[in-house]
Amino acid sequence: MEDKKSYIDRITVQLKKLDTELDKLKIKADKAKADLKVEYQKQIEELKVKKETFNSRLDKLKASSDEAWVELKGGLEKSWSELKTALDGAASKFKQKENE
C-alpha cells in the first residue's frame, strides 16, 4: 500500500501536469474570438473552482495524521476525478470549437 508521502508526491506531480493543461486552455481562451472567449473563460472559472476544492482537500490530507489520511484519500480521489473529467471535457470542447 502506498504511504502518505508517496501519495502526496504522486498527486502533486499530477496536479502540476493539470496546471500546465489549464494554462494551455487559458492561452487558447485569450486568443479566441469574442463570442467563444466568454464561453471559454466560463469553463476555465469552473475548472478553477474545482481545483480550489481539490487543493483544499489535499491540504486537509497533508495535515492529517498518518492513520487518518487513508480515510481522506477517497474524497480527494473523487475530487481529482471530477477535476480531471472537467478539464478533459473543456479541452475537448475547445478543440471542437476550433475545428468548426
PDB file of N, CA and C in Angstrom:
ATOM      1  N   MET A   1       0.838  -1.190   0.000  1.00  0.00           N
ATOM      2  CA  MET A   1       0.000   0.000   0.000  1.00  0.00           C
ATOM      3  C   MET A   1       0.880   1.249   0.000  1.00  0.00           C
ATOM      4  N   GLU A   2       0.458   2.219  -0.735  1.00  0.00           N
ATOM      5  CA  GLU A   2       1.179   3.483  -0.870  1.00  0.00           C
ATOM      6  C   GLU A   2       1.135   4.270   0.440  1.00  0.00           C
ATOM      7  N   ASP A   3       2.269   4.813   0.839  1.00  0.00           N
ATOM      8  CA  ASP A   3       2.277   5.622   2.058  1.00  0.00           C
ATOM      9  C   ASP A   3       1.850   7.054   1.743  1.00  0.00           C
ATOM     10  N   LYS A   4       1.594   7.812   2.794  1.00  0.00           N
ATOM     11  CA  LYS A   4       1.075   9.171   2.660  1.00  0.00           C
ATOM     12  C   LYS A   4       1.999  10.065   1.840  1.00  0.00           C
ATOM     13  N   LYS A   5       3.283  10.047   2.126  1.00  0.00           N
ATOM     14  CA  LYS A   5       4.229  10.915   1.420  1.00  0.00           C
ATOM     15  C   LYS A   5       4.281  10.582  -0.071  1.00  0.00           C
ATOM     16  N   SER A   6       4.345   9.296  -0.390  1.00  0.00           N
ATOM     17  CA  SER A   6       4.382   8.877  -1.797  1.00  0.00           C
ATOM     18  C   SER A   6       3.115   9.296  -2.523  1.00  0.00           C
ATOM     19  N   TYR A   7       1.998   9.149  -1.849  1.00  0.00           N
ATOM     20  CA  TYR A   7       0.721   9.528  -2.442  1.00  0.00           C
ATOM     21  C   TYR A   7       0.688  11.035  -2.722  1.00  0.00           C
ATOM     22  N   ILE A   8       1.080  11.825  -1.743  1.00  0.00           N
ATOM     23  CA  ILE A   8       1.089  13.286  -1.917  1.00  0.00           C
ATOM     24  C   ILE A   8       2.054  13.679  -3.036  1.00  0.00           C
ATOM     25  N   ASP A   9       3.216  13.050  -3.092  1.00  0.00           N
ATOM     26  CA  ASP A   9       4.179  13.343  -4.159  1.00  0.00           C
ATOM     27  C   ASP A   9       3.582  13.031  -5.526  1.00  0.00           C
ATOM     28  N   ARG A  10       2.897  11.886  -5.631  1.00  0.00           N
ATOM     29  CA  ARG A  10       2.302  11.478  -6.916  1.00  0.00           C
ATOM     30  C   ARG A  10       1.196  12.447  -7.321  1.00  0.00           C
ATOM     31  N   ILE A  11       0.356  12.811  -6.373  1.00  0.00           N
ATOM     32  CA  ILE A  11      -0.736  13.741  -6.659  1.00  0.00           C
ATOM     33  C   ILE A  11      -0.190  15.117  -7.042  1.00  0.00           C
ATOM     34  N   THR A  12       0.874  15.550  -6.391  1.00  0.00           N
ATOM     35  CA  THR A  12       1.480  16.844  -6.691  1.00  0.00           C
ATOM     36  C   THR A  12       2.006  16.883  -8.129  1.00  0.00           C
ATOM     37  N   VAL A  13       2.621  15.801  -8.579  1.00  0.00           N
ATOM     38  CA  VAL A  13       3.096  15.718  -9.962  1.00  0.00           C
ATOM     39  C   VAL A  13       1.914  15.795 -10.927  1.00  0.00           C
ATOM     40  N   GLN A  14       0.850  15.062 -10.625  1.00  0.00           N
ATOM     41  CA  GLN A  14      -0.339  15.094 -11.481  1.00  0.00           C
ATOM     42  C   GLN A  14      -0.958  16.487 -11.506  1.00  0.00           C
ATOM     43  N   LEU A  15      -0.952  17.154 -10.369  1.00  0.00           N
ATOM     44  CA  LEU A  15      -1.511  18.494 -10.289  1.00  0.00           C
ATOM     45  C   LEU A  15      -0.701  19.478 -11.128  1.00  0.00           C
ATOM     46  N   LYS A  16       0.610  19.333 -11.144  1.00  0.00           N
ATOM     47  CA  LYS A  16       1.452  20.205 -11.978  1.00  0.00           C
ATOM     48  C   LYS A  16       1.140  19.996 -13.455  1.00  0.00           C
ATOM     49  N   LYS A  17       0.909  18.746 -13.857  1.00  0.00           N
ATOM     50  CA  LYS A  17       0.541  18.461 -15.251  1.00  0.00           C
ATOM     51  C   LYS A  17      -0.806  19.085 -15.577  1.00  0.00           C
ATOM     52  N   LEU A  18      -1.739  19.000 -14.642  1.00  0.00           N
ATOM     53  CA  LEU A  18      -3.048  19.596 -14.838  1.00  0.00           C
ATOM     54  C   LEU A  18      -2.930  21.109 -14.963  1.00  0.00           C
ATOM     55  N   ASP A  19      -2.084  21.716 -14.136  1.00  0.00           N
ATOM     56  CA  ASP A  19      -1.862  23.166 -14.216  1.00  0.00           C
ATOM     57  C   ASP A  19      -1.347  23.562 -15.596  1.00  0.00           C
ATOM     58  N   THR A  20      -0.466  22.759 -16.153  1.00  0.00           N
ATOM     59  CA  THR A  20       0.065  23.018 -17.491  1.00  0.00           C
ATOM     60  C   THR A  20      -1.056  22.988 -18.528  1.00  0.00           C
ATOM     61  N   GLU A  21      -1.928  21.987 -18.416  1.00  0.00           N
ATOM     62  CA  GLU A  21      -3.053  21.889 -19.349  1.00  0.00           C
ATOM     63  C   GLU A  21      -4.011  23.062 -19.178  1.00  0.00           C
ATOM     64  N   LEU A  22      -4.241  23.464 -17.946  1.00  0.00           N
ATOM     65  CA  LEU A  22      -5.110  24.611 -17.679  1.00  0.00           C
ATOM     66  C   LEU A  22      -4.504  25.887 -18.259  1.00  0.00           C
ATOM     67  N   ASP A  23      -3.200  26.040 -18.144  1.00  0.00           N
ATOM     68  CA  ASP A  23      -2.522  27.201 -18.738  1.00  0.00           C
ATOM     69  C   ASP A  23      -2.694  27.214 -20.255  1.00  0.00           C
ATOM     70  N   LYS A  24      -2.629  26.049 -20.888  1.00  0.00           N
ATOM     71  CA  LYS A  24      -2.826  25.951 -22.338  1.00  0.00           C
ATOM     72  C   LYS A  24      -4.240  26.399 -22.710  1.00  0.00           C
ATOM     73  N   LEU A  25      -5.220  25.994 -21.905  1.00  0.00           N
ATOM     74  CA  LEU A  25      -6.598  26.406 -22.174  1.00  0.00           C
ATOM     75  C   LEU A  25      -6.759  27.916 -22.016  1.00  0.00           C
ATOM     76  N   LYS A  26      -6.095  28.481 -21.024  1.00  0.00           N
ATOM     77  CA  LYS A  26      -6.161  29.933 -20.821  1.00  0.00           C
ATOM     78  C   LYS A  26      -5.597  30.671 -22.035  1.00  0.00           C
ATOM     79  N   ILE A  27      -4.516  30.163 -22.587  1.00  0.00           N
ATOM     80  CA  ILE A  27      -3.911  30.777 -23.775  1.00  0.00           C
ATOM     81  C   ILE A  27      -4.877  30.696 -24.950  1.00  0.00           C
ATOM     82  N   LYS A  28      -5.507  29.530 -25.131  1.00  0.00           N
ATOM     83  CA  LYS A  28      -6.486  29.379 -26.211  1.00  0.00           C
ATOM     84  C   LYS A  28      -7.659  30.335 -26.003  1.00  0.00           C
ATOM     85  N   ALA A  29      -8.099  30.472 -24.783  1.00  0.00           N
ATOM     86  CA  ALA A  29      -9.220  31.372 -24.495  1.00  0.00           C
ATOM     87  C   ALA A  29      -8.851  32.811 -24.818  1.00  0.00           C
ATOM     88  N   ASP A  30      -7.641  33.205 -24.468  1.00  0.00           N
ATOM     89  CA  ASP A  30      -7.194  34.566 -24.745  1.00  0.00           C
ATOM     90  C   ASP A  30      -7.126  34.854 -26.243  1.00  0.00           C
ATOM     91  N   LYS A  31      -6.835  33.834 -27.028  1.00  0.00           N
ATOM     92  CA  LYS A  31      -6.703  34.006 -28.481  1.00  0.00           C
ATOM     93  C   LYS A  31      -8.020  33.806 -29.222  1.00  0.00           C
ATOM     94  N   ALA A  32      -9.048  33.350 -28.529  1.00  0.00           N
ATOM     95  CA  ALA A  32     -10.322  33.013 -29.169  1.00  0.00           C
ATOM     96  C   ALA A  32     -11.068  34.267 -29.607  1.00  0.00           C
ATOM     97  N   LYS A  33     -11.988  34.039 -30.523  1.00  0.00           N
ATOM     98  CA  LYS A  33     -12.865  35.114 -30.968  1.00  0.00           C
ATOM     99  C   LYS A  33     -13.749  35.523 -29.804  1.00  0.00           C
ATOM    100  N   ALA A  34     -14.257  36.738 -29.853  1.00  0.00           N
ATOM    101  CA  ALA A  34     -15.013  37.315 -28.739  1.00  0.00           C
ATOM    102  C   ALA A  34     -16.167  36.427 -28.278  1.00  0.00           C
ATOM    103  N   ASP A  35     -16.908  35.845 -29.226  1.00  0.00           N
ATOM    104  CA  ASP A  35     -18.067  35.046 -28.840  1.00  0.00           C
ATOM    105  C   ASP A  35     -17.661  33.764 -28.103  1.00  0.00           C
ATOM    106  N   LEU A  36     -16.545  33.197 -28.470  1.00  0.00           N
ATOM    107  CA  LEU A  36     -16.069  31.980 -27.815  1.00  0.00           C
ATOM    108  C   LEU A  36     -15.297  32.288 -26.538  1.00  0.00           C
ATOM    109  N   LYS A  37     -14.694  33.455 -26.512  1.00  0.00           N
ATOM    110  CA  LYS A  37     -13.871  33.828 -25.360  1.00  0.00           C
ATOM    111  C   LYS A  37     -14.672  33.780 -24.063  1.00  0.00           C
ATOM    112  N   VAL A  38     -15.882  34.282 -24.085  1.00  0.00           N
ATOM    113  CA  VAL A  38     -16.727  34.292 -22.890  1.00  0.00           C
ATOM    114  C   VAL A  38     -17.024  32.859 -22.444  1.00  0.00           C
ATOM    115  N   GLU A  39     -17.365  32.016 -23.381  1.00  0.00           N
ATOM    116  CA  GLU A  39     -17.657  30.610 -23.071  1.00  0.00           C
ATOM    117  C   GLU A  39     -16.417  29.924 -22.488  1.00  0.00           C
ATOM    118  N   TYR A  40     -15.272  30.132 -23.106  1.00  0.00           N
ATOM    119  CA  TYR A  40     -14.030  29.522 -22.634  1.00  0.00           C
ATOM    120  C   TYR A  40     -13.684  30.001 -21.223  1.00  0.00           C
ATOM    121  N   GLN A  41     -13.835  31.298 -21.008  1.00  0.00           N
ATOM    122  CA  GLN A  41     -13.499  31.846 -19.690  1.00  0.00           C
ATOM    123  C   GLN A  41     -14.425  31.293 -18.607  1.00  0.00           C
ATOM    124  N   LYS A  42     -15.683  31.065 -18.953  1.00  0.00           N
ATOM    125  CA  LYS A  42     -16.620  30.477 -18.002  1.00  0.00           C
ATOM    126  C   LYS A  42     -16.168  29.064 -17.627  1.00  0.00           C
ATOM    127  N   GLN A  43     -15.780  28.277 -18.614  1.00  0.00           N
ATOM    128  CA  GLN A  43     -15.322  26.927 -18.348  1.00  0.00           C
ATOM    129  C   GLN A  43     -14.043  26.933 -17.509  1.00  0.00           C
ATOM    130  N   ILE A  44     -13.166  27.868 -17.786  1.00  0.00           N
ATOM    131  CA  ILE A  44     -11.920  27.974 -17.024  1.00  0.00           C
ATOM    132  C   ILE A  44     -12.222  28.353 -15.572  1.00  0.00           C
ATOM    133  N   GLU A  45     -13.172  29.242 -15.360  1.00  0.00           N
ATOM    134  CA  GLU A  45     -13.549  29.620 -13.997  1.00  0.00           C
ATOM    135  C   GLU A  45     -14.120  28.416 -13.244  1.00  0.00           C
ATOM    136  N   GLU A  46     -14.923  27.604 -13.928  1.00  0.00           N
ATOM    137  CA  GLU A  46     -15.467  26.398 -13.307  1.00  0.00           C
ATOM    138  C   GLU A  46     -14.336  25.435 -12.931  1.00  0.00           C
ATOM    139  N   LEU A  47     -13.349  25.338 -13.788  1.00  0.00           N
ATOM    140  CA  LEU A  47     -12.190  24.487 -13.500  1.00  0.00           C
ATOM    141  C   LEU A  47     -11.426  25.012 -12.287  1.00  0.00           C
ATOM    142  N   LYS A  48     -11.305  26.314 -12.195  1.00  0.00           N
ATOM    143  CA  LYS A  48     -10.598  26.915 -11.055  1.00  0.00           C
ATOM    144  C   LYS A  48     -11.299  26.582  -9.744  1.00  0.00           C
ATOM    145  N   VAL A  49     -12.626  26.616  -9.747  1.00  0.00           N
ATOM    146  CA  VAL A  49     -13.394  26.296  -8.540  1.00  0.00           C
ATOM    147  C   VAL A  49     -13.154  24.841  -8.149  1.00  0.00           C
ATOM    148  N   LYS A  50     -13.188  23.945  -9.122  1.00  0.00           N
ATOM    149  CA  LYS A  50     -12.936  22.527  -8.843  1.00  0.00           C
ATOM    150  C   LYS A  50     -11.511  22.319  -8.339  1.00  0.00           C
ATOM    151  N   LYS A  51     -10.583  23.070  -8.895  1.00  0.00           N
ATOM    152  CA  LYS A  51      -9.191  22.958  -8.463  1.00  0.00           C
ATOM    153  C   LYS A  51      -9.035  23.463  -7.028  1.00  0.00           C
ATOM    154  N   GLU A  52      -9.719  24.547  -6.688  1.00  0.00           N
ATOM    155  CA  GLU A  52      -9.672  25.061  -5.315  1.00  0.00           C
ATOM    156  C   GLU A  52     -10.227  24.029  -4.331  1.00  0.00           C
ATOM    157  N   THR A  53     -11.314  23.364  -4.712  1.00  0.00           N
ATOM    158  CA  THR A  53     -11.885  22.310  -3.872  1.00  0.00           C
ATOM    159  C   THR A  53     -10.874  21.191  -3.688  1.00  0.00           C
ATOM    160  N   PHE A  54     -10.241  20.806  -4.788  1.00  0.00           N
ATOM    161  CA  PHE A  54      -9.234  19.744  -4.723  1.00  0.00           C
ATOM    162  C   PHE A  54      -8.077  20.162  -3.820  1.00  0.00           C
ATOM    163  N   ASN A  55      -7.581  21.373  -4.009  1.00  0.00           N
ATOM    164  CA  ASN A  55      -6.456  21.851  -3.197  1.00  0.00           C
ATOM    165  C   ASN A  55      -6.806  21.891  -1.716  1.00  0.00           C
ATOM    166  N   SER A  56      -8.037  22.276  -1.403  1.00  0.00           N
ATOM    167  CA  SER A  56      -8.485  22.303  -0.016  1.00  0.00           C
ATOM    168  C   SER A  56      -8.459  20.900   0.584  1.00  0.00           C
ATOM    169  N   ARG A  57      -8.944  19.941  -0.171  1.00  0.00           N
ATOM    170  CA  ARG A  57      -8.928  18.550   0.303  1.00  0.00           C
ATOM    171  C   ARG A  57      -7.508  18.027   0.422  1.00  0.00           C
ATOM    172  N   LEU A  58      -6.656  18.416  -0.509  1.00  0.00           N
ATOM    173  CA  LEU A  58      -5.256  17.987  -0.449  1.00  0.00           C
ATOM    174  C   LEU A  58      -4.580  18.570   0.795  1.00  0.00           C
ATOM    175  N   ASP A  59      -4.867  19.819   1.093  1.00  0.00           N
ATOM    176  CA  ASP A  59      -4.297  20.438   2.296  1.00  0.00           C
ATOM    177  C   ASP A  59      -4.747  19.701   3.557  1.00  0.00           C
ATOM    178  N   LYS A  60      -6.017  19.314   3.601  1.00  0.00           N
ATOM    179  CA  LYS A  60      -6.526  18.554   4.753  1.00  0.00           C
ATOM    180  C   LYS A  60      -5.811  17.208   4.863  1.00  0.00           C
ATOM    181  N   LEU A  61      -5.607  16.571   3.730  1.00  0.00           N
ATOM    182  CA  LEU A  61      -4.913  15.288   3.733  1.00  0.00           C
ATOM    183  C   LEU A  61      -3.476  15.461   4.214  1.00  0.00           C
ATOM    184  N   LYS A  62      -2.815  16.505   3.749  1.00  0.00           N
ATOM    185  CA  LYS A  62      -1.433  16.764   4.168  1.00  0.00           C
ATOM    186  C   LYS A  62      -1.344  16.987   5.676  1.00  0.00           C
ATOM    187  N   ALA A  63      -2.347  17.644   6.233  1.00  0.00           N
ATOM    188  CA  ALA A  63      -2.336  17.967   7.657  1.00  0.00           C
ATOM    189  C   ALA A  63      -2.822  16.814   8.535  1.00  0.00           C
ATOM    190  N   SER A  64      -3.361  15.785   7.909  1.00  0.00           N
ATOM    191  CA  SER A  64      -3.929  14.680   8.675  1.00  0.00           C
ATOM    192  C   SER A  64      -2.836  13.782   9.256  1.00  0.00           C
ATOM    193  N   SER A  65      -3.250  13.001  10.220  1.00  0.00           N
ATOM    194  CA  SER A  65      -2.321  12.038  10.817  1.00  0.00           C
ATOM    195  C   SER A  65      -2.067  10.910   9.823  1.00  0.00           C
ATOM    196  N   ASP A  66      -1.033  10.141  10.087  1.00  0.00           N
ATOM    197  CA  ASP A  66      -0.712   9.021   9.211  1.00  0.00           C
ATOM    198  C   ASP A  66      -1.823   7.980   9.198  1.00  0.00           C
ATOM    199  N   GLU A  67      -2.608   7.917  10.245  1.00  0.00           N
ATOM    200  CA  GLU A  67      -3.705   6.959  10.299  1.00  0.00           C
ATOM    201  C   GLU A  67      -4.948   7.484   9.569  1.00  0.00           C
ATOM    202  N   ALA A  68      -5.208   8.774   9.684  1.00  0.00           N
ATOM    203  CA  ALA A  68      -6.446   9.360   9.147  1.00  0.00           C
ATOM    204  C   ALA A  68      -6.373   9.652   7.653  1.00  0.00           C
ATOM    205  N   TRP A  69      -5.204   9.754   7.089  1.00  0.00           N
ATOM    206  CA  TRP A  69      -5.098  10.177   5.696  1.00  0.00           C
ATOM    207  C   TRP A  69      -5.780   9.214   4.745  1.00  0.00           C
ATOM    208  N   VAL A  70      -5.786   7.933   5.086  1.00  0.00           N
ATOM    209  CA  VAL A  70      -6.402   6.937   4.210  1.00  0.00           C
ATOM    210  C   VAL A  70      -7.899   7.217   4.060  1.00  0.00           C
ATOM    211  N   GLU A  71      -8.532   7.662   5.137  1.00  0.00           N
ATOM    212  CA  GLU A  71      -9.955   7.994   5.079  1.00  0.00           C
ATOM    213  C   GLU A  71     -10.207   9.210   4.194  1.00  0.00           C
ATOM    214  N   LEU A  72      -9.312  10.164   4.225  1.00  0.00           N
ATOM    215  CA  LEU A  72      -9.458  11.380   3.420  1.00  0.00           C
ATOM    216  C   LEU A  72      -9.135  11.127   1.946  1.00  0.00           C
ATOM    217  N   LYS A  73      -8.383  10.095   1.685  1.00  0.00           N
ATOM    218  CA  LYS A  73      -7.935   9.781   0.325  1.00  0.00           C
ATOM    219  C   LYS A  73      -9.123   9.579  -0.629  1.00  0.00           C
ATOM    220  N   GLY A  74     -10.189   8.943  -0.162  1.00  0.00           N
ATOM    221  CA  GLY A  74     -11.348   8.696  -1.016  1.00  0.00           C
ATOM    222  C   GLY A  74     -11.975   9.982  -1.528  1.00  0.00           C
ATOM    223  N   GLY A  75     -12.149  10.951  -0.639  1.00  0.00           N
ATOM    224  CA  GLY A  75     -12.711  12.240  -1.050  1.00  0.00           C
ATOM    225  C   GLY A  75     -11.798  12.982  -2.004  1.00  0.00           C
ATOM    226  N   LEU A  76     -10.505  12.862  -1.768  1.00  0.00           N
ATOM    227  CA  LEU A  76      -9.535  13.518  -2.640  1.00  0.00           C
ATOM    228  C   LEU A  76      -9.546  12.874  -4.025  1.00  0.00           C
ATOM    229  N   GLU A  77      -9.633  11.552  -4.052  1.00  0.00           N
ATOM    230  CA  GLU A  77      -9.678  10.840  -5.338  1.00  0.00           C
ATOM    231  C   GLU A  77     -10.921  11.245  -6.130  1.00  0.00           C
ATOM    232  N   LYS A  78     -12.060  11.376  -5.435  1.00  0.00           N
ATOM    233  CA  LYS A  78     -13.294  11.795  -6.100  1.00  0.00           C
ATOM    234  C   LYS A  78     -13.143  13.207  -6.649  1.00  0.00           C
ATOM    235  N   SER A  79     -12.585  14.092  -5.849  1.00  0.00           N
ATOM    236  CA  SER A  79     -12.365  15.466  -6.274  1.00  0.00           C
ATOM    237  C   SER A  79     -11.417  15.516  -7.472  1.00  0.00           C
ATOM    238  N   TRP A  80     -10.363  14.690  -7.450  1.00  0.00           N
ATOM    239  CA  TRP A  80      -9.419  14.630  -8.564  1.00  0.00           C
ATOM    240  C   TRP A  80     -10.116  14.163  -9.833  1.00  0.00           C
ATOM    241  N   SER A  81     -10.944  13.137  -9.704  1.00  0.00           N
ATOM    242  CA  SER A  81     -11.663  12.599 -10.855  1.00  0.00           C
ATOM    243  C   SER A  81     -12.573  13.657 -11.472  1.00  0.00           C
ATOM    244  N   GLU A  82     -13.282  14.400 -10.635  1.00  0.00           N
ATOM    245  CA  GLU A  82     -14.158  15.466 -11.127  1.00  0.00           C
ATOM    246  C   GLU A  82     -13.356  16.556 -11.822  1.00  0.00           C
ATOM    247  N   LEU A  83     -12.238  16.924 -11.245  1.00  0.00           N
ATOM    248  CA  LEU A  83     -11.387  17.964 -11.818  1.00  0.00           C
ATOM    249  C   LEU A  83     -10.817  17.515 -13.161  1.00  0.00           C
ATOM    250  N   LYS A  84     -10.312  16.313 -13.213  1.00  0.00           N
ATOM    251  CA  LYS A  84      -9.711  15.787 -14.451  1.00  0.00           C
ATOM    252  C   LYS A  84     -10.769  15.638 -15.547  1.00  0.00           C
ATOM    253  N   THR A  85     -11.941  15.140 -15.183  1.00  0.00           N
ATOM    254  CA  THR A  85     -13.023  14.988 -16.151  1.00  0.00           C
ATOM    255  C   THR A  85     -13.444  16.350 -16.702  1.00  0.00           C
ATOM    256  N   ALA A  86     -13.551  17.337 -15.819  1.00  0.00           N
ATOM    257  CA  ALA A  86     -13.924  18.686 -16.257  1.00  0.00           C
ATOM    258  C   ALA A  86     -12.866  19.283 -17.180  1.00  0.00           C
ATOM    259  N   LEU A  87     -11.602  19.080 -16.854  1.00  0.00           N
ATOM    260  CA  LEU A  87     -10.522  19.595 -17.695  1.00  0.00           C
ATOM    261  C   LEU A  87     -10.536  18.924 -19.059  1.00  0.00           C
ATOM    262  N   ASP A  88     -10.675  17.608 -19.072  1.00  0.00           N
ATOM    263  CA  ASP A  88     -10.718  16.881 -20.339  1.00  0.00           C
ATOM    264  C   ASP A  88     -11.913  17.317 -21.192  1.00  0.00           C
ATOM    265  N   GLY A  89     -13.044  17.533 -20.531  1.00  0.00           N
ATOM    266  CA  GLY A  89     -14.234  17.997 -21.248  1.00  0.00           C
ATOM    267  C   GLY A  89     -14.051  19.377 -21.836  1.00  0.00           C
ATOM    268  N   ALA A  90     -13.463  20.259 -21.062  1.00  0.00           N
ATOM    269  CA  ALA A  90     -13.218  21.617 -21.555  1.00  0.00           C
ATOM    270  C   ALA A  90     -12.237  21.596 -22.715  1.00  0.00           C
ATOM    271  N   ALA A  91     -11.181  20.831 -22.578  1.00  0.00           N
ATOM    272  CA  ALA A  91     -10.189  20.740 -23.658  1.00  0.00           C
ATOM    273  C   ALA A  91     -10.833  20.202 -24.926  1.00  0.00           C
ATOM    274  N   SER A  92     -11.697  19.222 -24.778  1.00  0.00           N
ATOM    275  CA  SER A  92     -12.388  18.646 -25.924  1.00  0.00           C
ATOM    276  C   SER A  92     -13.305  19.669 -26.584  1.00  0.00           C
ATOM    277  N   LYS A  93     -14.031  20.433 -25.774  1.00  0.00           N
ATOM    278  CA  LYS A  93     -14.913  21.466 -26.317  1.00  0.00           C
ATOM    279  C   LYS A  93     -14.100  22.544 -27.028  1.00  0.00           C
ATOM    280  N   PHE A  94     -12.985  22.939 -26.450  1.00  0.00           N
ATOM    281  CA  PHE A  94     -12.138  23.951 -27.077  1.00  0.00           C
ATOM    282  C   PHE A  94     -11.679  23.464 -28.448  1.00  0.00           C
ATOM    283  N   LYS A  95     -11.240  22.224 -28.484  1.00  0.00           N
ATOM    284  CA  LYS A  95     -10.731  21.656 -29.737  1.00  0.00           C
ATOM    285  C   LYS A  95     -11.851  21.561 -30.771  1.00  0.00           C
ATOM    286  N   GLN A  96     -13.027  21.131 -30.323  1.00  0.00           N
ATOM    287  CA  GLN A  96     -14.165  21.005 -31.227  1.00  0.00           C
ATOM    288  C   GLN A  96     -14.550  22.363 -31.812  1.00  0.00           C
ATOM    289  N   LYS A  97     -14.573  23.382 -30.977  1.00  0.00           N
ATOM    290  CA  LYS A  97     -14.941  24.735 -31.449  1.00  0.00           C
ATOM    291  C   LYS A  97     -13.912  25.280 -32.434  1.00  0.00           C
ATOM    292  N   GLU A  98     -12.645  24.922 -32.212  1.00  0.00           N
ATOM    293  CA  GLU A  98     -11.599  25.385 -33.129  1.00  0.00           C
ATOM    294  C   GLU A  98     -11.752  24.778 -34.514  1.00  0.00           C
ATOM    295  N   ASN A  99     -12.278  23.565 -34.554  1.00  0.00           N
ATOM    296  CA  ASN A  99     -12.419  22.847 -35.829  1.00  0.00           C
ATOM    297  C   ASN A  99     -13.711  23.176 -36.560  1.00  0.00           C
ATOM    298  N   GLU A 100     -14.583  23.950 -35.942  1.00  0.00           N
ATOM    299  CA  GLU A 100     -15.844  24.307 -36.587  1.00  0.00           C
ATOM    300  C   GLU A 100     -15.661  25.419 -37.593  1.00  0.00           C
TER     301      GLU A 100
END
